[in-house]
Amino acid sequence: MPKLTPRFADQFDGIYILCEPGTFTGKDNSENIIDISEPFFLGEKPVTQIFWQSIMQSNPSKFHQGFESALRPVESISWHDAQMFCEQLNLRGDTHHLGLDGHWRLPTLDEWVYAALCGNETTWHFGDIEKDLDNYGWHAGNSGAQTKQVGMKKPNDWGFFDMHGLVGEWCGNQANESDKCPVKGGSWFTESESTKPFATRWLHSDKKSDGVGLRLVWSPV
């Protein structure tokens, strides 16, 4: 039987899947080995509008109309908004899972790439053929100029949905000297090039875009 990866569900039925420590090769540099030294649990899907609304008592998203919009990703949030969301989750006390104490946060840039590649060394986790991207993500070529419900495309090999397109995802790295923070994954309005795991957009920490949301990490303490 295949190995069952540890996972848990939060109070909003979000699923978080274990990413065990490991390494991956940095972009275009076979000698640049990046080490993920600590385990973390990554959200199976991006944070939805209903999840955000339940915690923050508001919904900033552009694509918020219609019943099904509750299951679309939250967007139009800044890096600071995403950090505040994590802070509110930690204050609520839903931080004990699988017999361990932990805390909620954004993934680091390296953690995000590690989970997106899920052990592969190809352009995307599924290979190098661009036309296959349609099976795994929403981008400018197939989104119809709007977001979609999360989890509608195929997951990657580790079980994560929507890592390519739909909405970009803020990473937790502190802002650089220009006060910009990394966003990974491309979005519904960007071309396929931006959905590659190593592609990174650097946006001002106050920037709000209808193509940027977040995905959560729960880290054991």
N, C-alpha and C. Protein backbone atom coordinates (compact mmCIF):
# COMPACT_ATOMS: atom_id res chain seq x y z
N MET A 1 0.83 -1.19 0.00
CA MET A 1 0.00 0.00 0.00
C MET A 1 0.88 1.25 0.00
N PRO A 2 0.43 2.34 -0.70
CA PRO A 2 1.21 3.58 -0.69
C PRO A 2 1.23 4.20 0.70
N LYS A 3 2.29 4.93 0.98
CA LYS A 3 2.43 5.60 2.26
C LYS A 3 1.37 6.69 2.40
N LEU A 4 0.71 6.76 3.54
CA LEU A 4 -0.28 7.79 3.80
C LEU A 4 0.40 8.99 4.42
N THR A 5 0.34 10.11 3.74
CA THR A 5 0.98 11.33 4.23
C THR A 5 0.15 11.93 5.35
N PRO A 6 0.74 12.25 6.50
CA PRO A 6 -0.01 12.89 7.59
C PRO A 6 -0.66 14.19 7.12
N ARG A 7 -1.89 14.40 7.57
CA ARG A 7 -2.65 15.60 7.24
C ARG A 7 -3.69 15.83 8.31
N PHE A 8 -4.27 17.01 8.32
CA PHE A 8 -5.36 17.30 9.25
C PHE A 8 -6.27 18.34 8.63
N ALA A 9 -7.46 18.47 9.21
CA ALA A 9 -8.43 19.46 8.75
C ALA A 9 -8.62 20.52 9.82
N ASP A 10 -8.79 21.77 9.38
CA ASP A 10 -9.08 22.83 10.34
C ASP A 10 -10.59 22.93 10.54
N GLN A 11 -11.03 23.89 11.34
CA GLN A 11 -12.45 24.01 11.67
C GLN A 11 -13.30 24.47 10.48
N PHE A 12 -12.64 24.88 9.39
CA PHE A 12 -13.36 25.30 8.19
C PHE A 12 -13.22 24.27 7.07
N ASP A 13 -12.83 23.05 7.44
CA ASP A 13 -12.68 21.92 6.52
C ASP A 13 -11.53 22.10 5.53
N GLY A 14 -10.62 23.02 5.81
CA GLY A 14 -9.41 23.10 5.02
C GLY A 14 -8.47 21.96 5.39
N ILE A 15 -7.79 21.40 4.40
CA ILE A 15 -6.88 20.29 4.60
C ILE A 15 -5.44 20.78 4.52
N TYR A 16 -4.61 20.29 5.44
CA TYR A 16 -3.20 20.67 5.48
C TYR A 16 -2.36 19.40 5.42
N ILE A 17 -1.42 19.37 4.48
CA ILE A 17 -0.66 18.16 4.16
C ILE A 17 0.81 18.35 4.54
N LEU A 18 1.38 17.33 5.16
CA LEU A 18 2.76 17.39 5.61
C LEU A 18 3.74 17.45 4.43
N CYS A 19 4.66 18.39 4.50
CA CYS A 19 5.83 18.42 3.63
C CYS A 19 7.03 18.09 4.50
N GLU A 20 7.60 16.93 4.30
CA GLU A 20 8.75 16.51 5.10
C GLU A 20 10.01 17.24 4.66
N PRO A 21 11.00 17.33 5.55
CA PRO A 21 12.26 17.97 5.17
C PRO A 21 12.88 17.31 3.94
N GLY A 22 13.58 18.11 3.15
CA GLY A 22 14.20 17.60 1.94
C GLY A 22 14.97 18.70 1.25
N THR A 23 15.38 18.45 0.02
CA THR A 23 16.14 19.42 -0.75
C THR A 23 15.58 19.53 -2.15
N PHE A 24 15.90 20.63 -2.82
CA PHE A 24 15.63 20.75 -4.25
C PHE A 24 16.71 21.61 -4.88
N THR A 25 16.84 21.48 -6.18
CA THR A 25 17.88 22.20 -6.91
C THR A 25 17.38 23.56 -7.33
N GLY A 26 18.16 24.58 -7.05
CA GLY A 26 17.78 25.93 -7.42
C GLY A 26 17.73 26.13 -8.93
N LYS A 27 17.09 27.16 -9.36
CA LYS A 27 16.87 27.43 -10.77
C LYS A 27 18.19 27.59 -11.53
N ASP A 28 18.33 26.80 -12.61
CA ASP A 28 19.46 26.93 -13.54
C ASP A 28 20.82 26.84 -12.86
N ASN A 29 20.89 26.10 -11.76
CA ASN A 29 22.17 25.97 -11.08
C ASN A 29 22.23 24.63 -10.36
N SER A 30 22.86 23.66 -10.99
CA SER A 30 22.87 22.31 -10.44
C SER A 30 23.63 22.23 -9.12
N GLU A 31 24.47 23.24 -8.83
CA GLU A 31 25.23 23.23 -7.59
C GLU A 31 24.50 23.97 -6.47
N ASN A 32 23.39 24.60 -6.79
CA ASN A 32 22.63 25.36 -5.79
C ASN A 32 21.55 24.46 -5.20
N ILE A 33 21.89 23.76 -4.15
CA ILE A 33 20.94 22.85 -3.49
C ILE A 33 20.30 23.58 -2.32
N ILE A 34 18.98 23.67 -2.34
CA ILE A 34 18.25 24.40 -1.30
C ILE A 34 17.67 23.39 -0.32
N ASP A 35 17.93 23.61 0.95
CA ASP A 35 17.57 22.66 2.00
C ASP A 35 16.34 23.14 2.76
N ILE A 36 15.35 22.27 2.83
CA ILE A 36 14.17 22.49 3.69
C ILE A 36 14.39 21.63 4.92
N SER A 37 14.78 22.26 6.02
CA SER A 37 15.27 21.50 7.17
C SER A 37 14.18 21.16 8.19
N GLU A 38 13.04 21.85 8.13
CA GLU A 38 11.98 21.62 9.11
C GLU A 38 10.68 21.20 8.41
N PRO A 39 9.93 20.27 9.01
CA PRO A 39 8.65 19.89 8.41
C PRO A 39 7.63 21.01 8.53
N PHE A 40 6.69 21.05 7.61
CA PHE A 40 5.60 22.02 7.68
C PHE A 40 4.37 21.43 6.99
N PHE A 41 3.22 21.92 7.38
CA PHE A 41 1.97 21.48 6.77
C PHE A 41 1.44 22.62 5.90
N LEU A 42 1.25 22.34 4.62
CA LEU A 42 0.80 23.37 3.67
C LEU A 42 -0.66 23.14 3.31
N GLY A 43 -1.40 24.24 3.16
CA GLY A 43 -2.79 24.15 2.77
C GLY A 43 -2.96 23.46 1.43
N GLU A 44 -3.89 22.55 1.37
CA GLU A 44 -4.17 21.82 0.13
C GLU A 44 -4.60 22.77 -0.99
N LYS A 45 -5.31 23.85 -0.61
CA LYS A 45 -5.84 24.81 -1.57
C LYS A 45 -5.60 26.24 -1.06
N PRO A 46 -5.72 27.24 -1.93
CA PRO A 46 -5.64 28.62 -1.45
C PRO A 46 -6.77 28.93 -0.48
N VAL A 47 -6.58 29.94 0.35
CA VAL A 47 -7.62 30.39 1.28
C VAL A 47 -8.81 30.92 0.49
N THR A 48 -9.99 30.46 0.85
CA THR A 48 -11.21 30.86 0.14
C THR A 48 -11.80 32.14 0.72
N GLN A 49 -12.74 32.70 -0.03
CA GLN A 49 -13.41 33.91 0.43
C GLN A 49 -14.23 33.66 1.69
N ILE A 50 -14.87 32.49 1.79
CA ILE A 50 -15.69 32.22 2.97
C ILE A 50 -14.81 32.05 4.21
N PHE A 51 -13.64 31.47 4.05
CA PHE A 51 -12.70 31.32 5.16
C PHE A 51 -12.24 32.70 5.62
N TRP A 52 -11.83 33.53 4.67
CA TRP A 52 -11.38 34.88 5.02
C TRP A 52 -12.49 35.67 5.70
N GLN A 53 -13.69 35.61 5.14
CA GLN A 53 -14.83 36.35 5.70
C GLN A 53 -15.11 35.91 7.13
N SER A 54 -14.99 34.62 7.39
CA SER A 54 -15.28 34.09 8.72
C SER A 54 -14.30 34.61 9.77
N ILE A 55 -13.06 34.86 9.36
CA ILE A 55 -12.04 35.32 10.29
C ILE A 55 -11.97 36.83 10.37
N MET A 56 -12.05 37.49 9.23
CA MET A 56 -11.81 38.93 9.17
C MET A 56 -13.09 39.76 9.14
N GLN A 57 -14.24 39.11 9.00
CA GLN A 57 -15.54 39.79 8.99
C GLN A 57 -15.67 40.77 7.82
N SER A 58 -14.98 40.50 6.74
CA SER A 58 -15.08 41.31 5.54
C SER A 58 -14.56 40.48 4.37
N ASN A 59 -14.89 40.91 3.17
CA ASN A 59 -14.42 40.22 1.97
C ASN A 59 -13.96 41.24 0.95
N PRO A 60 -12.65 41.39 0.77
CA PRO A 60 -12.13 42.41 -0.13
C PRO A 60 -12.15 42.01 -1.60
N SER A 61 -12.53 40.78 -1.90
CA SER A 61 -12.34 40.21 -3.24
C SER A 61 -13.15 40.92 -4.31
N LYS A 62 -12.58 41.02 -5.48
CA LYS A 62 -13.29 41.58 -6.64
C LYS A 62 -14.35 40.61 -7.13
N PHE A 63 -14.00 39.33 -7.20
CA PHE A 63 -14.91 38.32 -7.75
C PHE A 63 -15.72 37.68 -6.62
N HIS A 64 -16.62 38.47 -6.04
CA HIS A 64 -17.35 38.03 -4.85
C HIS A 64 -18.84 37.82 -5.08
N GLN A 65 -19.30 37.96 -6.29
CA GLN A 65 -20.73 37.86 -6.55
C GLN A 65 -21.12 36.42 -6.90
N GLY A 66 -22.29 36.02 -6.43
CA GLY A 66 -22.79 34.68 -6.69
C GLY A 66 -22.49 33.72 -5.55
N PHE A 67 -23.33 32.72 -5.42
CA PHE A 67 -23.21 31.76 -4.32
C PHE A 67 -21.87 31.03 -4.37
N GLU A 68 -21.44 30.65 -5.57
CA GLU A 68 -20.22 29.85 -5.68
C GLU A 68 -18.97 30.67 -5.38
N SER A 69 -19.10 31.99 -5.32
CA SER A 69 -17.92 32.81 -5.07
C SER A 69 -17.31 32.55 -3.69
N ALA A 70 -18.09 32.02 -2.77
CA ALA A 70 -17.56 31.71 -1.43
C ALA A 70 -16.39 30.74 -1.51
N LEU A 71 -16.38 29.90 -2.56
CA LEU A 71 -15.32 28.91 -2.71
C LEU A 71 -14.27 29.34 -3.73
N ARG A 72 -14.34 30.58 -4.17
CA ARG A 72 -13.25 31.13 -4.96
C ARG A 72 -12.18 31.64 -3.98
N PRO A 73 -10.95 31.78 -4.47
CA PRO A 73 -9.90 32.26 -3.57
C PRO A 73 -10.13 33.72 -3.18
N VAL A 74 -9.81 34.06 -1.97
CA VAL A 74 -9.79 35.47 -1.59
C VAL A 74 -8.68 36.14 -2.37
N GLU A 75 -8.90 37.39 -2.79
CA GLU A 75 -7.89 38.16 -3.50
C GLU A 75 -8.06 39.63 -3.13
N SER A 76 -7.26 40.46 -3.75
CA SER A 76 -7.24 41.90 -3.43
C SER A 76 -6.82 42.15 -1.99
N ILE A 77 -5.82 41.40 -1.55
CA ILE A 77 -5.28 41.57 -0.20
C ILE A 77 -3.79 41.90 -0.30
N SER A 78 -3.30 42.73 0.61
CA SER A 78 -1.88 43.06 0.66
C SER A 78 -1.13 42.00 1.46
N TRP A 79 0.20 42.09 1.43
CA TRP A 79 1.03 41.22 2.24
C TRP A 79 0.72 41.44 3.73
N HIS A 80 0.49 42.69 4.10
CA HIS A 80 0.16 42.99 5.50
C HIS A 80 -1.20 42.40 5.87
N ASP A 81 -2.16 42.41 4.96
CA ASP A 81 -3.46 41.79 5.22
C ASP A 81 -3.29 40.29 5.46
N ALA A 82 -2.46 39.66 4.62
CA ALA A 82 -2.23 38.22 4.76
C ALA A 82 -1.58 37.90 6.10
N GLN A 83 -0.64 38.73 6.54
CA GLN A 83 0.00 38.53 7.83
C GLN A 83 -1.00 38.71 8.97
N MET A 84 -1.90 39.67 8.84
CA MET A 84 -2.91 39.90 9.86
C MET A 84 -3.88 38.73 9.95
N PHE A 85 -4.20 38.14 8.80
CA PHE A 85 -5.06 36.96 8.79
C PHE A 85 -4.42 35.83 9.59
N CYS A 86 -3.14 35.59 9.36
CA CYS A 86 -2.43 34.55 10.13
C CYS A 86 -2.43 34.88 11.62
N GLU A 87 -2.23 36.13 11.94
CA GLU A 87 -2.21 36.55 13.34
C GLU A 87 -3.57 36.29 14.00
N GLN A 88 -4.64 36.59 13.29
CA GLN A 88 -5.98 36.36 13.83
C GLN A 88 -6.24 34.87 14.04
N LEU A 89 -5.78 34.05 13.12
CA LEU A 89 -5.94 32.60 13.29
C LEU A 89 -5.22 32.12 14.54
N ASN A 90 -4.02 32.61 14.76
CA ASN A 90 -3.27 32.21 15.95
C ASN A 90 -3.94 32.69 17.24
N LEU A 91 -4.54 33.86 17.20
CA LEU A 91 -5.22 34.39 18.37
C LEU A 91 -6.48 33.59 18.70
N ARG A 92 -7.09 32.99 17.69
CA ARG A 92 -8.30 32.20 17.90
C ARG A 92 -8.03 30.89 18.64
N GLY A 93 -6.78 30.46 18.62
CA GLY A 93 -6.41 29.29 19.41
C GLY A 93 -6.51 27.96 18.69
N ASP A 94 -6.83 27.95 17.39
CA ASP A 94 -6.90 26.69 16.64
C ASP A 94 -5.50 26.33 16.17
N THR A 95 -4.63 26.08 17.13
CA THR A 95 -3.22 25.88 16.82
C THR A 95 -2.69 24.51 17.28
N HIS A 96 -3.56 23.65 17.78
CA HIS A 96 -3.15 22.33 18.28
C HIS A 96 -3.70 21.26 17.34
N HIS A 97 -2.80 20.57 16.67
CA HIS A 97 -3.21 19.54 15.71
C HIS A 97 -2.26 18.36 15.79
N LEU A 98 -2.82 17.17 15.57
CA LEU A 98 -2.03 15.93 15.56
C LEU A 98 -1.21 15.76 16.84
N GLY A 99 -1.76 16.27 17.94
CA GLY A 99 -1.10 16.15 19.22
C GLY A 99 0.04 17.12 19.43
N LEU A 100 0.16 18.12 18.54
CA LEU A 100 1.27 19.06 18.62
C LEU A 100 0.75 20.49 18.64
N ASP A 101 1.49 21.36 19.31
CA ASP A 101 1.21 22.79 19.24
C ASP A 101 1.94 23.36 18.03
N GLY A 102 1.35 24.38 17.43
CA GLY A 102 1.96 24.99 16.27
C GLY A 102 1.44 26.39 16.06
N HIS A 103 1.75 26.95 14.92
CA HIS A 103 1.25 28.29 14.61
C HIS A 103 1.03 28.42 13.10
N TRP A 104 0.16 29.36 12.74
CA TRP A 104 -0.18 29.63 11.35
C TRP A 104 0.71 30.73 10.81
N ARG A 105 1.10 30.58 9.54
CA ARG A 105 1.94 31.59 8.89
C ARG A 105 1.85 31.40 7.38
N LEU A 106 2.52 32.30 6.66
CA LEU A 106 2.67 32.15 5.22
C LEU A 106 3.87 31.26 4.93
N PRO A 107 3.86 30.54 3.81
CA PRO A 107 5.05 29.77 3.44
C PRO A 107 6.19 30.69 3.06
N THR A 108 7.42 30.24 3.29
CA THR A 108 8.55 30.96 2.74
C THR A 108 8.61 30.71 1.24
N LEU A 109 9.38 31.52 0.55
CA LEU A 109 9.54 31.35 -0.88
C LEU A 109 10.09 29.95 -1.19
N ASP A 110 11.08 29.50 -0.45
CA ASP A 110 11.67 28.18 -0.69
C ASP A 110 10.68 27.06 -0.40
N GLU A 111 9.91 27.20 0.67
CA GLU A 111 8.91 26.17 0.97
C GLU A 111 7.87 26.07 -0.13
N TRP A 112 7.48 27.22 -0.66
CA TRP A 112 6.47 27.22 -1.72
C TRP A 112 6.99 26.49 -2.96
N VAL A 113 8.22 26.80 -3.37
CA VAL A 113 8.79 26.13 -4.55
C VAL A 113 8.94 24.63 -4.30
N TYR A 114 9.38 24.27 -3.11
CA TYR A 114 9.56 22.86 -2.74
C TYR A 114 8.25 22.10 -2.89
N ALA A 115 7.15 22.66 -2.39
CA ALA A 115 5.85 22.00 -2.48
C ALA A 115 5.31 21.99 -3.90
N ALA A 116 5.59 23.05 -4.66
CA ALA A 116 5.10 23.11 -6.04
C ALA A 116 5.80 22.09 -6.94
N LEU A 117 7.09 21.92 -6.75
CA LEU A 117 7.84 20.95 -7.55
C LEU A 117 7.62 19.52 -7.10
N CYS A 118 7.33 19.35 -5.83
CA CYS A 118 7.06 18.04 -5.18
C CYS A 118 8.01 16.94 -5.67
N GLY A 119 9.30 17.26 -5.62
CA GLY A 119 10.31 16.25 -5.89
C GLY A 119 10.72 16.12 -7.35
N ASN A 120 10.14 16.90 -8.23
CA ASN A 120 10.47 16.82 -9.65
C ASN A 120 11.47 17.90 -10.04
N GLU A 121 12.18 17.69 -11.12
CA GLU A 121 13.16 18.65 -11.61
C GLU A 121 12.82 19.15 -13.01
N THR A 122 11.55 19.07 -13.37
CA THR A 122 11.07 19.54 -14.66
C THR A 122 10.58 20.98 -14.54
N THR A 123 10.15 21.57 -15.65
CA THR A 123 9.71 22.96 -15.65
C THR A 123 8.56 23.19 -14.69
N TRP A 124 7.54 22.36 -14.80
CA TRP A 124 6.46 22.28 -13.83
C TRP A 124 6.52 20.89 -13.20
N HIS A 125 5.77 20.65 -12.15
CA HIS A 125 5.84 19.32 -11.54
C HIS A 125 5.41 18.22 -12.50
N PHE A 126 4.53 18.56 -13.47
CA PHE A 126 3.98 17.57 -14.38
C PHE A 126 4.84 17.37 -15.63
N GLY A 127 5.88 18.16 -15.81
CA GLY A 127 6.75 17.99 -16.97
C GLY A 127 7.11 19.32 -17.60
N ASP A 128 7.47 19.26 -18.87
CA ASP A 128 7.96 20.44 -19.59
C ASP A 128 7.04 20.90 -20.70
N ILE A 129 5.91 20.23 -20.89
CA ILE A 129 5.03 20.53 -22.02
C ILE A 129 3.98 21.55 -21.59
N GLU A 130 4.02 22.73 -22.20
CA GLU A 130 3.16 23.83 -21.78
C GLU A 130 1.67 23.53 -21.92
N LYS A 131 1.28 22.80 -22.94
CA LYS A 131 -0.15 22.54 -23.15
C LYS A 131 -0.77 21.73 -22.02
N ASP A 132 0.06 20.99 -21.28
CA ASP A 132 -0.46 20.21 -20.15
C ASP A 132 -0.82 21.09 -18.96
N LEU A 133 -0.40 22.35 -19.00
CA LEU A 133 -0.72 23.27 -17.90
C LEU A 133 -2.22 23.42 -17.70
N ASP A 134 -2.99 23.35 -18.77
CA ASP A 134 -4.44 23.50 -18.67
C ASP A 134 -5.07 22.49 -17.72
N ASN A 135 -4.44 21.35 -17.54
CA ASN A 135 -4.97 20.32 -16.64
C ASN A 135 -4.77 20.66 -15.17
N TYR A 136 -3.87 21.61 -14.90
CA TYR A 136 -3.48 21.87 -13.51
C TYR A 136 -3.71 23.30 -13.04
N GLY A 137 -3.96 24.23 -13.95
CA GLY A 137 -4.07 25.60 -13.49
C GLY A 137 -4.90 26.49 -14.38
N TRP A 138 -5.38 27.59 -13.78
CA TRP A 138 -6.12 28.64 -14.49
C TRP A 138 -5.18 29.80 -14.77
N HIS A 139 -5.08 30.17 -16.04
CA HIS A 139 -4.18 31.25 -16.45
C HIS A 139 -4.88 32.06 -17.53
N ALA A 140 -4.16 33.00 -18.12
CA ALA A 140 -4.78 33.90 -19.09
C ALA A 140 -5.39 33.16 -20.28
N GLY A 141 -4.85 32.00 -20.61
CA GLY A 141 -5.34 31.27 -21.77
C GLY A 141 -6.59 30.46 -21.56
N ASN A 142 -7.00 30.25 -20.30
CA ASN A 142 -8.18 29.39 -20.10
C ASN A 142 -9.12 29.84 -18.98
N SER A 143 -8.84 30.97 -18.34
CA SER A 143 -9.64 31.37 -17.16
C SER A 143 -10.92 32.11 -17.49
N GLY A 144 -11.04 32.62 -18.72
CA GLY A 144 -12.21 33.44 -19.03
C GLY A 144 -12.21 34.77 -18.29
N ALA A 145 -11.02 35.26 -17.97
CA ALA A 145 -10.83 36.58 -17.34
C ALA A 145 -11.49 36.69 -15.97
N GLN A 146 -11.39 35.63 -15.17
CA GLN A 146 -11.91 35.67 -13.82
C GLN A 146 -11.35 34.50 -13.01
N THR A 147 -11.49 34.59 -11.70
CA THR A 147 -11.10 33.47 -10.86
C THR A 147 -12.14 32.36 -10.95
N LYS A 148 -11.79 31.20 -10.43
CA LYS A 148 -12.67 30.04 -10.39
C LYS A 148 -12.68 29.49 -8.97
N GLN A 149 -13.57 28.55 -8.71
CA GLN A 149 -13.55 27.88 -7.42
C GLN A 149 -12.22 27.15 -7.24
N VAL A 150 -11.72 27.10 -6.02
CA VAL A 150 -10.48 26.39 -5.76
C VAL A 150 -10.68 24.89 -5.96
N GLY A 151 -9.60 24.21 -6.32
CA GLY A 151 -9.63 22.76 -6.41
C GLY A 151 -10.33 22.17 -7.61
N MET A 152 -10.51 22.94 -8.67
CA MET A 152 -11.23 22.44 -9.84
C MET A 152 -10.29 21.74 -10.84
N LYS A 153 -9.01 22.00 -10.74
CA LYS A 153 -8.04 21.35 -11.61
C LYS A 153 -7.36 20.19 -10.87
N LYS A 154 -6.50 19.48 -11.57
CA LYS A 154 -5.80 18.35 -10.95
C LYS A 154 -4.80 18.84 -9.91
N PRO A 155 -4.58 18.08 -8.84
CA PRO A 155 -3.54 18.43 -7.87
C PRO A 155 -2.17 17.96 -8.35
N ASN A 156 -1.12 18.44 -7.69
CA ASN A 156 0.20 17.91 -8.00
C ASN A 156 0.42 16.59 -7.26
N ASP A 157 1.61 16.05 -7.38
CA ASP A 157 1.87 14.70 -6.85
C ASP A 157 1.77 14.62 -5.33
N TRP A 158 1.91 15.75 -4.65
CA TRP A 158 1.80 15.76 -3.19
C TRP A 158 0.40 16.16 -2.72
N GLY A 159 -0.51 16.40 -3.65
CA GLY A 159 -1.90 16.66 -3.29
C GLY A 159 -2.29 18.11 -3.22
N PHE A 160 -1.45 19.03 -3.70
CA PHE A 160 -1.75 20.45 -3.63
C PHE A 160 -2.40 20.95 -4.92
N PHE A 161 -3.51 21.67 -4.77
CA PHE A 161 -4.25 22.20 -5.90
C PHE A 161 -3.86 23.66 -6.16
N ASP A 162 -4.00 24.07 -7.41
CA ASP A 162 -3.93 25.49 -7.79
C ASP A 162 -2.58 26.13 -7.48
N MET A 163 -1.52 25.37 -7.62
CA MET A 163 -0.20 25.95 -7.44
C MET A 163 0.24 26.74 -8.68
N HIS A 164 -0.42 26.51 -9.79
CA HIS A 164 -0.09 27.18 -11.05
C HIS A 164 -1.29 28.00 -11.51
N GLY A 165 -1.22 29.31 -11.38
CA GLY A 165 -2.32 30.16 -11.82
C GLY A 165 -3.38 30.35 -10.75
N LEU A 166 -4.57 30.71 -11.16
CA LEU A 166 -5.72 31.07 -10.33
C LEU A 166 -5.44 32.39 -9.61
N VAL A 167 -4.74 32.35 -8.48
CA VAL A 167 -4.23 33.59 -7.88
C VAL A 167 -2.79 33.36 -7.44
N GLY A 168 -1.97 34.40 -7.54
CA GLY A 168 -0.65 34.34 -6.95
C GLY A 168 -0.78 34.29 -5.44
N GLU A 169 0.27 33.84 -4.78
CA GLU A 169 0.20 33.64 -3.34
C GLU A 169 1.38 34.34 -2.65
N TRP A 170 1.03 35.21 -1.71
CA TRP A 170 2.07 35.89 -0.93
C TRP A 170 2.92 34.88 -0.18
N CYS A 171 4.21 35.11 -0.15
CA CYS A 171 5.11 34.34 0.70
C CYS A 171 5.50 35.18 1.91
N GLY A 172 5.93 34.52 2.95
CA GLY A 172 6.15 35.19 4.22
C GLY A 172 7.46 35.92 4.37
N ASN A 173 8.34 35.80 3.37
CA ASN A 173 9.63 36.49 3.45
C ASN A 173 9.45 37.97 3.71
N GLN A 174 10.29 38.52 4.57
CA GLN A 174 10.22 39.94 4.86
C GLN A 174 10.51 40.77 3.61
N ALA A 175 9.95 41.96 3.58
CA ALA A 175 10.14 42.84 2.43
C ALA A 175 11.61 43.17 2.23
N ASN A 176 12.01 43.33 0.96
CA ASN A 176 13.39 43.71 0.66
C ASN A 176 13.57 45.23 0.82
N GLU A 177 14.69 45.74 0.36
CA GLU A 177 14.98 47.16 0.55
C GLU A 177 13.98 48.07 -0.15
N SER A 178 13.32 47.54 -1.18
CA SER A 178 12.30 48.32 -1.90
C SER A 178 10.90 48.11 -1.32
N ASP A 179 10.83 47.43 -0.15
CA ASP A 179 9.56 47.12 0.49
C ASP A 179 8.69 46.25 -0.40
N LYS A 180 9.32 45.32 -1.11
CA LYS A 180 8.58 44.39 -1.94
C LYS A 180 8.70 42.97 -1.39
N CYS A 181 7.63 42.20 -1.52
CA CYS A 181 7.57 40.83 -1.02
C CYS A 181 7.26 39.88 -2.17
N PRO A 182 7.67 38.62 -2.05
CA PRO A 182 7.49 37.69 -3.16
C PRO A 182 6.08 37.12 -3.26
N VAL A 183 5.65 36.95 -4.52
CA VAL A 183 4.37 36.31 -4.85
C VAL A 183 4.68 35.17 -5.82
N LYS A 184 4.13 34.00 -5.55
CA LYS A 184 4.41 32.83 -6.37
C LYS A 184 3.14 32.30 -7.03
N GLY A 185 3.32 31.67 -8.20
CA GLY A 185 2.25 30.89 -8.79
C GLY A 185 1.53 31.46 -9.98
N GLY A 186 1.81 32.72 -10.37
CA GLY A 186 1.06 33.29 -11.48
C GLY A 186 -0.37 33.59 -11.07
N SER A 187 -1.25 33.79 -12.05
CA SER A 187 -2.65 34.10 -11.71
C SER A 187 -3.55 33.87 -12.92
N TRP A 188 -4.82 34.15 -12.73
CA TRP A 188 -5.81 33.97 -13.79
C TRP A 188 -5.57 34.89 -14.98
N PHE A 189 -4.84 35.98 -14.81
CA PHE A 189 -4.63 36.92 -15.93
C PHE A 189 -3.20 36.94 -16.45
N THR A 190 -2.33 36.07 -15.95
CA THR A 190 -0.95 36.06 -16.41
C THR A 190 -0.71 34.88 -17.35
N GLU A 191 0.35 34.99 -18.14
CA GLU A 191 0.67 33.94 -19.10
C GLU A 191 1.35 32.76 -18.41
N SER A 192 1.52 31.69 -19.16
CA SER A 192 2.02 30.43 -18.59
C SER A 192 3.40 30.58 -17.96
N GLU A 193 4.22 31.48 -18.51
CA GLU A 193 5.58 31.66 -17.98
C GLU A 193 5.56 31.98 -16.49
N SER A 194 4.58 32.76 -16.06
CA SER A 194 4.52 33.19 -14.66
C SER A 194 4.08 32.08 -13.72
N THR A 195 3.54 30.98 -14.25
CA THR A 195 3.06 29.90 -13.40
C THR A 195 4.15 28.88 -13.07
N LYS A 196 5.33 29.05 -13.65
CA LYS A 196 6.42 28.11 -13.36
C LYS A 196 6.87 28.28 -11.90
N PRO A 197 7.20 27.18 -11.24
CA PRO A 197 7.54 27.27 -9.81
C PRO A 197 8.64 28.26 -9.46
N PHE A 198 9.61 28.44 -10.36
CA PHE A 198 10.71 29.36 -10.04
C PHE A 198 10.40 30.81 -10.40
N ALA A 199 9.29 31.05 -11.09
CA ALA A 199 8.92 32.42 -11.43
C ALA A 199 8.43 33.15 -10.18
N THR A 200 8.93 34.36 -9.96
CA THR A 200 8.57 35.14 -8.77
C THR A 200 8.23 36.56 -9.17
N ARG A 201 7.12 37.05 -8.67
CA ARG A 201 6.80 38.47 -8.79
C ARG A 201 7.11 39.13 -7.44
N TRP A 202 7.69 40.32 -7.49
CA TRP A 202 7.97 41.07 -6.27
C TRP A 202 7.06 42.29 -6.26
N LEU A 203 6.11 42.30 -5.33
CA LEU A 203 5.13 43.37 -5.25
C LEU A 203 5.31 44.14 -3.94
N HIS A 204 4.98 45.42 -3.99
CA HIS A 204 5.04 46.23 -2.77
C HIS A 204 4.15 45.61 -1.71
N SER A 205 4.59 45.64 -0.48
CA SER A 205 3.86 44.97 0.60
C SER A 205 2.45 45.51 0.81
N ASP A 206 2.18 46.72 0.33
CA ASP A 206 0.85 47.30 0.43
C ASP A 206 -0.01 47.06 -0.81
N LYS A 207 0.57 46.43 -1.83
CA LYS A 207 -0.12 46.21 -3.09
C LYS A 207 -1.30 45.26 -2.92
N LYS A 208 -2.44 45.62 -3.52
CA LYS A 208 -3.61 44.75 -3.54
C LYS A 208 -3.99 44.51 -4.99
N SER A 209 -4.12 43.24 -5.36
CA SER A 209 -4.42 42.87 -6.73
C SER A 209 -5.48 41.78 -6.74
N ASP A 210 -6.37 41.82 -7.73
CA ASP A 210 -7.37 40.76 -7.85
C ASP A 210 -6.76 39.46 -8.37
N GLY A 211 -5.45 39.47 -8.54
CA GLY A 211 -4.75 38.24 -8.92
C GLY A 211 -3.83 37.72 -7.84
N VAL A 212 -3.97 38.20 -6.60
CA VAL A 212 -3.08 37.78 -5.50
C VAL A 212 -3.88 37.43 -4.26
N GLY A 213 -3.64 36.25 -3.72
CA GLY A 213 -4.26 35.78 -2.49
C GLY A 213 -3.20 35.15 -1.58
N LEU A 214 -3.57 34.04 -0.92
CA LEU A 214 -2.61 33.39 0.00
C LEU A 214 -2.95 31.93 0.19
N ARG A 215 -1.97 31.21 0.69
CA ARG A 215 -2.09 29.82 1.09
C ARG A 215 -1.42 29.71 2.45
N LEU A 216 -1.99 28.92 3.33
CA LEU A 216 -1.51 28.85 4.71
C LEU A 216 -0.52 27.72 4.96
N VAL A 217 0.37 27.97 5.91
CA VAL A 217 1.23 26.95 6.49
C VAL A 217 0.91 26.84 7.97
N TRP A 218 0.85 25.61 8.47
CA TRP A 218 0.83 25.38 9.91
C TRP A 218 2.15 24.69 10.26
N SER A 219 2.89 25.29 11.18
CA SER A 219 4.19 24.75 11.57
C SER A 219 4.15 24.24 13.00
N PRO A 220 4.56 22.99 13.24
CA PRO A 220 4.69 22.52 14.62
C PRO A 220 5.73 23.35 15.35
N VAL A 221 5.48 23.63 16.60
CA VAL A 221 6.46 24.38 17.41
C VAL A 221 7.51 23.41 17.93
